[in-house]
Amino acid sequence: MSDEINTHRLKMDLPNEQATVALGQALAHVAADLTSSVTGHFEPGSQAGGRIYLKGELGSGKTALTRALLRECGVTGRIKSPSYALVESYQVSSLYLYHLDFYRFSDSKEWLDAGFKEIFTNNALVLIEWPERADELLGAPDLFIELSYAGDGRSASLTAQTQKGVSWLTTLTSHLDTHPSE
């Protein structure tokens, strides 16, 4: 599945939606530090949380990847796109998960005016679609994911921008090698 790997960047082909879902599921394990509980379900670990920014054209798979990640973290029920509400929030055990979409922003300061800065806590996993609409005001993510069209499928470029992100990519590469998509 992967084409190019180093400690700060991972490029992969996503030939179908199943591959995008597999990437989202694998990301859940590293970003939420998922561990198996005695009930057989996954629980967030002590190292859970961070920031993931997703960039890509409309329909490139940002929301599909995010839904797969949230579902793997244990979110049940309907997972809505935050395109109109701007943010959808979830809680799994002690971990807060926030899915934001800045597509409708026309000014980079709108996310500050909306009060979203407060959700960047240590015990939260924050996923932002269209982060470029808030420019440098957001700060660096742990992981920046760019999805693009590639023939009938998609390609993903994952770039670590913090030490946590580098650790995530290292673990993700190992997870993908042992759990390849069908």
C-alpha atoms as a PDB file:
ATOM      1  CA  MET A   1       0.000   0.000   0.000  1.00  0.00           C
ATOM      2  CA  SER A   2       2.849   2.465   0.722  1.00  0.00           C
ATOM      3  CA  ASP A   3       5.051   3.959  -1.952  1.00  0.00           C
ATOM      4  CA  GLU A   4       7.547   6.089  -0.050  1.00  0.00           C
ATOM      5  CA  ILE A   5       8.402   6.050   3.645  1.00  0.00           C
ATOM      6  CA  ASN A   6      10.761   8.073   5.816  1.00  0.00           C
ATOM      7  CA  THR A   7      10.544   9.278   9.409  1.00  0.00           C
ATOM      8  CA  HIS A   8       8.578  12.418   8.554  1.00  0.00           C
ATOM      9  CA  ARG A   9       6.506  11.497   5.479  1.00  0.00           C
ATOM     10  CA  LEU A  10       4.473   8.579   4.215  1.00  0.00           C
ATOM     11  CA  LYS A  11       2.955   8.491   0.736  1.00  0.00           C
ATOM     12  CA  MET A  12       0.389   5.862  -0.142  1.00  0.00           C
ATOM     13  CA  ASP A  13      -1.964   4.815  -2.880  1.00  0.00           C
ATOM     14  CA  LEU A  14      -5.587   4.383  -1.854  1.00  0.00           C
ATOM     15  CA  PRO A  15      -7.062   2.469  -4.796  1.00  0.00           C
ATOM     16  CA  ASN A  16     -10.590   2.317  -3.336  1.00  0.00           C
ATOM     17  CA  GLU A  17     -12.754   3.449  -0.442  1.00  0.00           C
ATOM     18  CA  GLN A  18     -11.826   0.321   1.525  1.00  0.00           C
ATOM     19  CA  ALA A  19      -8.169   1.435   1.495  1.00  0.00           C
ATOM     20  CA  THR A  20      -9.194   4.888   2.768  1.00  0.00           C
ATOM     21  CA  VAL A  21     -11.215   3.258   5.561  1.00  0.00           C
ATOM     22  CA  ALA A  22      -8.236   1.019   6.451  1.00  0.00           C
ATOM     23  CA  LEU A  23      -6.003   4.093   6.716  1.00  0.00           C
ATOM     24  CA  GLY A  24      -8.546   5.811   8.990  1.00  0.00           C
ATOM     25  CA  GLN A  25      -8.776   2.722  11.190  1.00  0.00           C
ATOM     26  CA  ALA A  26      -4.989   2.465  11.438  1.00  0.00           C
ATOM     27  CA  LEU A  27      -4.731   6.172  12.290  1.00  0.00           C
ATOM     28  CA  ALA A  28      -7.226   5.657  15.114  1.00  0.00           C
ATOM     29  CA  HIS A  29      -4.919   3.124  16.729  1.00  0.00           C
ATOM     30  CA  VAL A  30      -1.954   5.494  16.777  1.00  0.00           C
ATOM     31  CA  ALA A  31      -3.674   8.847  17.427  1.00  0.00           C
ATOM     32  CA  ALA A  32      -6.030   7.532  20.113  1.00  0.00           C
ATOM     33  CA  ASP A  33      -3.418   5.103  21.480  1.00  0.00           C
ATOM     34  CA  LEU A  34      -6.077   2.373  21.333  1.00  0.00           C
ATOM     35  CA  THR A  35      -5.655  -0.692  23.500  1.00  0.00           C
ATOM     36  CA  SER A  36      -7.950  -3.695  23.902  1.00  0.00           C
ATOM     37  CA  SER A  37     -10.103  -3.680  27.002  1.00  0.00           C
ATOM     38  CA  VAL A  38     -11.274  -6.699  28.940  1.00  0.00           C
ATOM     39  CA  THR A  39     -14.583  -6.492  27.044  1.00  0.00           C
ATOM     40  CA  GLY A  40     -12.793  -6.860  23.720  1.00  0.00           C
ATOM     41  CA  HIS A  41     -13.464  -3.259  22.703  1.00  0.00           C
ATOM     42  CA  PHE A  42     -10.743  -0.680  22.155  1.00  0.00           C
ATOM     43  CA  GLU A  43     -10.162   2.014  24.753  1.00  0.00           C
ATOM     44  CA  PRO A  44      -8.118   5.216  24.376  1.00  0.00           C
ATOM     45  CA  GLY A  45      -4.739   5.021  26.086  1.00  0.00           C
ATOM     46  CA  SER A  46      -2.827   7.545  28.157  1.00  0.00           C
ATOM     47  CA  GLN A  47      -1.026   8.966  25.100  1.00  0.00           C
ATOM     48  CA  ALA A  48      -4.260   9.660  23.187  1.00  0.00           C
ATOM     49  CA  GLY A  49      -4.888  13.004  21.566  1.00  0.00           C
ATOM     50  CA  GLY A  50      -3.341  15.443  19.165  1.00  0.00           C
ATOM     51  CA  ARG A  51      -4.064  17.325  15.964  1.00  0.00           C
ATOM     52  CA  ILE A  52      -4.622  15.981  12.468  1.00  0.00           C
ATOM     53  CA  TYR A  53      -5.245  18.364   9.576  1.00  0.00           C
ATOM     54  CA  LEU A  54      -6.766  17.069   6.343  1.00  0.00           C
ATOM     55  CA  LYS A  55      -6.415  18.838   3.025  1.00  0.00           C
ATOM     56  CA  GLY A  56      -7.864  17.843  -0.327  1.00  0.00           C
ATOM     57  CA  GLU A  57     -10.371  18.713  -2.988  1.00  0.00           C
ATOM     58  CA  LEU A  58     -14.074  18.128  -2.455  1.00  0.00           C
ATOM     59  CA  GLY A  59     -14.740  14.393  -2.589  1.00  0.00           C
ATOM     60  CA  SER A  60     -11.114  13.377  -2.059  1.00  0.00           C
ATOM     61  CA  GLY A  61     -11.913  11.277   1.026  1.00  0.00           C
ATOM     62  CA  LYS A  62     -11.303  13.572   4.005  1.00  0.00           C
ATOM     63  CA  THR A  63     -14.646  12.865   5.655  1.00  0.00           C
ATOM     64  CA  ALA A  64     -14.568   9.143   4.785  1.00  0.00           C
ATOM     65  CA  LEU A  65     -11.147   8.811   6.427  1.00  0.00           C
ATOM     66  CA  THR A  66     -12.319  10.759   9.480  1.00  0.00           C
ATOM     67  CA  ARG A  67     -15.490   8.677   9.846  1.00  0.00           C
ATOM     68  CA  ALA A  68     -13.437   5.467   9.758  1.00  0.00           C
ATOM     69  CA  LEU A  69     -11.083   6.862  12.408  1.00  0.00           C
ATOM     70  CA  LEU A  70     -13.954   7.930  14.669  1.00  0.00           C
ATOM     71  CA  ARG A  71     -15.788   4.627  14.242  1.00  0.00           C
ATOM     72  CA  GLU A  72     -12.601   2.675  15.095  1.00  0.00           C
ATOM     73  CA  CYS A  73     -12.194   4.827  18.224  1.00  0.00           C
ATOM     74  CA  GLY A  74     -15.592   3.606  19.380  1.00  0.00           C
ATOM     75  CA  VAL A  75     -17.943   6.368  18.248  1.00  0.00           C
ATOM     76  CA  THR A  76     -21.374   4.837  17.719  1.00  0.00           C
ATOM     77  CA  GLY A  77     -24.434   6.225  16.005  1.00  0.00           C
ATOM     78  CA  ARG A  78     -24.478   8.621  13.096  1.00  0.00           C
ATOM     79  CA  ILE A  79     -21.228  10.428  12.315  1.00  0.00           C
ATOM     80  CA  LYS A  80     -22.217  13.626  10.529  1.00  0.00           C
ATOM     81  CA  SER A  81     -20.063  15.838   8.362  1.00  0.00           C
ATOM     82  CA  PRO A  82     -19.424  19.137  10.165  1.00  0.00           C
ATOM     83  CA  SER A  83     -19.712  21.169   6.945  1.00  0.00           C
ATOM     84  CA  TYR A  84     -22.698  23.171   8.214  1.00  0.00           C
ATOM     85  CA  ALA A  85     -22.346  22.908  11.989  1.00  0.00           C
ATOM     86  CA  LEU A  86     -18.554  23.537  11.670  1.00  0.00           C
ATOM     87  CA  VAL A  87     -17.806  21.110  14.507  1.00  0.00           C
ATOM     88  CA  GLU A  88     -19.056  17.715  15.632  1.00  0.00           C
ATOM     89  CA  SER A  89     -17.865  16.494  19.024  1.00  0.00           C
ATOM     90  CA  TYR A  90     -17.749  13.020  20.516  1.00  0.00           C
ATOM     91  CA  GLN A  91     -16.480  11.424  23.703  1.00  0.00           C
ATOM     92  CA  VAL A  92     -15.098   7.913  24.073  1.00  0.00           C
ATOM     93  CA  SER A  93     -14.105   7.105  27.632  1.00  0.00           C
ATOM     94  CA  SER A  94     -11.994  10.079  28.767  1.00  0.00           C
ATOM     95  CA  LEU A  95     -10.994  11.105  25.221  1.00  0.00           C
ATOM     96  CA  TYR A  96     -12.744  13.958  23.451  1.00  0.00           C
ATOM     97  CA  LEU A  97     -12.817  13.830  19.658  1.00  0.00           C
ATOM     98  CA  TYR A  98     -13.546  16.942  17.593  1.00  0.00           C
ATOM     99  CA  HIS A  99     -14.153  16.948  13.844  1.00  0.00           C
ATOM    100  CA  LEU A 100     -14.066  20.445  12.366  1.00  0.00           C
ATOM    101  CA  ASP A 101     -14.636  21.642   8.816  1.00  0.00           C
ATOM    102  CA  PHE A 102     -13.498  25.146   7.862  1.00  0.00           C
ATOM    103  CA  TYR A 103     -14.676  24.979   4.237  1.00  0.00           C
ATOM    104  CA  ARG A 104     -17.198  27.793   4.745  1.00  0.00           C
ATOM    105  CA  PHE A 105     -14.692  30.173   6.359  1.00  0.00           C
ATOM    106  CA  SER A 106     -13.791  33.221   4.304  1.00  0.00           C
ATOM    107  CA  ASP A 107     -11.480  34.816   6.880  1.00  0.00           C
ATOM    108  CA  SER A 108      -8.775  33.023   8.855  1.00  0.00           C
ATOM    109  CA  LYS A 109      -9.918  34.649  12.108  1.00  0.00           C
ATOM    110  CA  GLU A 110     -13.382  33.100  11.924  1.00  0.00           C
ATOM    111  CA  TRP A 111     -12.227  30.010  13.823  1.00  0.00           C
ATOM    112  CA  LEU A 112     -11.107  32.224  16.720  1.00  0.00           C
ATOM    113  CA  ASP A 113     -14.417  34.106  16.685  1.00  0.00           C
ATOM    114  CA  ALA A 114     -16.242  30.753  16.758  1.00  0.00           C
ATOM    115  CA  GLY A 115     -14.470  29.854  20.032  1.00  0.00           C
ATOM    116  CA  PHE A 116     -12.772  26.725  18.725  1.00  0.00           C
ATOM    117  CA  LYS A 117      -9.388  27.504  20.289  1.00  0.00           C
ATOM    118  CA  GLU A 118     -10.625  26.071  23.601  1.00  0.00           C
ATOM    119  CA  ILE A 119     -10.983  22.560  22.170  1.00  0.00           C
ATOM    120  CA  PHE A 120      -7.228  22.188  21.666  1.00  0.00           C
ATOM    121  CA  THR A 121      -6.704  20.378  24.961  1.00  0.00           C
ATOM    122  CA  ASN A 122      -4.285  17.619  25.903  1.00  0.00           C
ATOM    123  CA  ASN A 123      -7.073  15.093  26.240  1.00  0.00           C
ATOM    124  CA  ALA A 124      -8.586  15.658  22.792  1.00  0.00           C
ATOM    125  CA  LEU A 125      -8.064  14.383  19.293  1.00  0.00           C
ATOM    126  CA  VAL A 126      -8.828  17.225  16.889  1.00  0.00           C
ATOM    127  CA  LEU A 127      -9.357  16.549  13.174  1.00  0.00           C
ATOM    128  CA  ILE A 128      -9.689  19.574  10.890  1.00  0.00           C
ATOM    129  CA  GLU A 129     -10.772  19.573   7.261  1.00  0.00           C
ATOM    130  CA  TRP A 130      -9.790  22.626   5.192  1.00  0.00           C
ATOM    131  CA  PRO A 131      -7.236  23.885   7.775  1.00  0.00           C
ATOM    132  CA  GLU A 132      -5.785  26.276   5.186  1.00  0.00           C
ATOM    133  CA  ARG A 133      -8.895  28.450   5.693  1.00  0.00           C
ATOM    134  CA  ALA A 134      -7.548  29.350   9.167  1.00  0.00           C
ATOM    135  CA  ASP A 135      -3.943  29.769   7.966  1.00  0.00           C
ATOM    136  CA  GLU A 136      -1.145  30.037  10.498  1.00  0.00           C
ATOM    137  CA  LEU A 137      -3.529  30.894  13.344  1.00  0.00           C
ATOM    138  CA  LEU A 138      -4.055  27.177  13.970  1.00  0.00           C
ATOM    139  CA  GLY A 139      -0.444  26.293  14.656  1.00  0.00           C
ATOM    140  CA  ALA A 140       1.228  23.119  13.454  1.00  0.00           C
ATOM    141  CA  PRO A 141      -0.616  19.802  13.526  1.00  0.00           C
ATOM    142  CA  ASP A 142       0.965  16.591  14.701  1.00  0.00           C
ATOM    143  CA  LEU A 143       0.051  15.077  11.347  1.00  0.00           C
ATOM    144  CA  PHE A 144      -0.865  16.772   8.075  1.00  0.00           C
ATOM    145  CA  ILE A 145      -2.692  14.580   5.556  1.00  0.00           C
ATOM    146  CA  GLU A 146      -3.198  15.608   1.951  1.00  0.00           C
ATOM    147  CA  LEU A 147      -5.572  13.499  -0.115  1.00  0.00           C
ATOM    148  CA  SER A 148      -5.694  13.799  -3.887  1.00  0.00           C
ATOM    149  CA  TYR A 149      -7.245  12.072  -6.857  1.00  0.00           C
ATOM    150  CA  ALA A 150      -5.068   9.408  -8.496  1.00  0.00           C
ATOM    151  CA  GLY A 151      -6.785   7.744 -11.444  1.00  0.00           C
ATOM    152  CA  ASP A 152      -9.874   5.934 -10.150  1.00  0.00           C
ATOM    153  CA  GLY A 153      -8.571   6.038  -6.575  1.00  0.00           C
ATOM    154  CA  ARG A 154      -6.832   8.477  -4.277  1.00  0.00           C
ATOM    155  CA  SER A 155      -3.367   9.066  -2.946  1.00  0.00           C
ATOM    156  CA  ALA A 156      -2.462  10.180   0.550  1.00  0.00           C
ATOM    157  CA  SER A 157       0.577  12.085   1.703  1.00  0.00           C
ATOM    158  CA  LEU A 158       1.027  12.071   5.481  1.00  0.00           C
ATOM    159  CA  THR A 159       3.564  14.494   6.923  1.00  0.00           C
ATOM    160  CA  ALA A 160       4.617  14.582  10.577  1.00  0.00           C
ATOM    161  CA  GLN A 161       5.097  18.107  11.893  1.00  0.00           C
ATOM    162  CA  THR A 162       5.852  17.336  15.545  1.00  0.00           C
ATOM    163  CA  GLN A 163       7.707  14.633  17.467  1.00  0.00           C
ATOM    164  CA  LYS A 164       4.344  13.072  18.291  1.00  0.00           C
ATOM    165  CA  GLY A 165       3.595  13.008  14.557  1.00  0.00           C
ATOM    166  CA  VAL A 166       6.914  11.284  13.820  1.00  0.00           C
ATOM    167  CA  SER A 167       6.059   8.663  16.450  1.00  0.00           C
ATOM    168  CA  TRP A 168       2.603   8.221  14.911  1.00  0.00           C
ATOM    169  CA  LEU A 169       4.056   7.686  11.425  1.00  0.00           C
ATOM    170  CA  THR A 170       6.539   5.119  12.718  1.00  0.00           C
ATOM    171  CA  THR A 171       3.781   3.195  14.493  1.00  0.00           C
ATOM    172  CA  LEU A 172       1.374   3.620  11.563  1.00  0.00           C
ATOM    173  CA  THR A 173       3.886   2.174   9.112  1.00  0.00           C
ATOM    174  CA  SER A 174       4.291  -0.876  11.345  1.00  0.00           C
ATOM    175  CA  HIS A 175       0.506  -1.235  11.747  1.00  0.00           C
ATOM    176  CA  LEU A 176      -0.106  -1.012   7.985  1.00  0.00           C
ATOM    177  CA  ASP A 177       2.605  -3.604   7.321  1.00  0.00           C
ATOM    178  CA  THR A 178       0.885  -6.077   9.665  1.00  0.00           C
ATOM    179  CA  HIS A 179      -2.723  -5.192   8.704  1.00  0.00           C
ATOM    180  CA  PRO A 180      -2.734  -4.509   4.940  1.00  0.00           C
ATOM    181  CA  SER A 181      -6.021  -3.524   3.314  1.00  0.00           C
ATOM    182  CA  GLU A 182      -7.786  -6.040   1.123  1.00  0.00           C
END
